[in-house]
Amino acid sequence: MATASNAAVPTLIGSVQRALRLLEAVGSHTDGAPAKQLAREAGLPLPTAYHLLRTLTHEGYLRRENGVFVFGAAVERLADGGALQNRRSKIANSLVRWRDSVGVPVYFAVYREGEIEIAGVADTPAVPAVEEWADFRETGHAHAIGQCLLSQLDDRTREDYLDRHPVRSITPYTVRDRRALLDRLAATERMRPVIERQEYVLGTVCAAIPITAGSSAATMAISMPLHQEERLLPAIEQLRGEVGSLLSSLTFSISI
């Protein structure tokens, strides 16, 4: 019986527990606290606290300023990572909700560091997303996501992208050359959906809307089979309304 009971008890590392108590104590002081105070609040002998504080400082989790200890860059990175994970979770949950509401695959993409990045997709086996048979990053001219993002960029940034990823035929319906693409982008009405018909993959139509939260270029998009094209505009307008409501509630961030 004793063996079975002991097997169920997790192995705890005392030094880790003590270090965490010290970090919690530091976190309770906006302007930091000296070692003696931290040791007292963490319930640790002062020599033990000194040893752990030196280790945490060496590893970047704390730093000492004017005799007090405050959080270091490593803790800030952990906090940023947690916030990033939380934002991504919110985005993923939103995409699933919109997919179920609109009844088609929903995509979220951003233009980051010179490239088109698909940051999230929600689909189902019954309504699958478009298969990436040609790299989305290199074929922005050929799909609604890319065209919507390119339309939001300044001239210099757009030209830089097209210099690195030249316009080329993906299907017989793909925009024919760079000049034609630039003319199309110039004619794109601000905040209006970008529609693409069989330019990236035959038998599929897509629509994308720009997202204006923050300073980054971003877009939400949907896709559906060509024979359901009459649903495209009503569906993208429904999505735009739902995205607008979420953005106005300040519960959505594109800073991912």
Foldseek 3Di string as FASTA:
>chain_A
DVVVVVVPDDDDDPLVLLLVQLLVLQVVDPVFAAQVVSCVSSVHDSVSSVVSVVVCVVVFQWPDDPRGIHGGPVVVVVVVVVVVVVQLVVVAVVQQVLCVVLVAKKWKWFQPPLWIGTSDIDDDPVHDDDDCPDPCRQALQQAQFSLQLLLPDDPVSNVVSCVVRPHDAQDPQGQHGDVSSVVVSVPDDAQDKRKHACRNHHQKIKIWGWDDPDDTTMIMMGMDGPVVVVSHVVSVVVVVVVVVVCVVVVPHDPPD
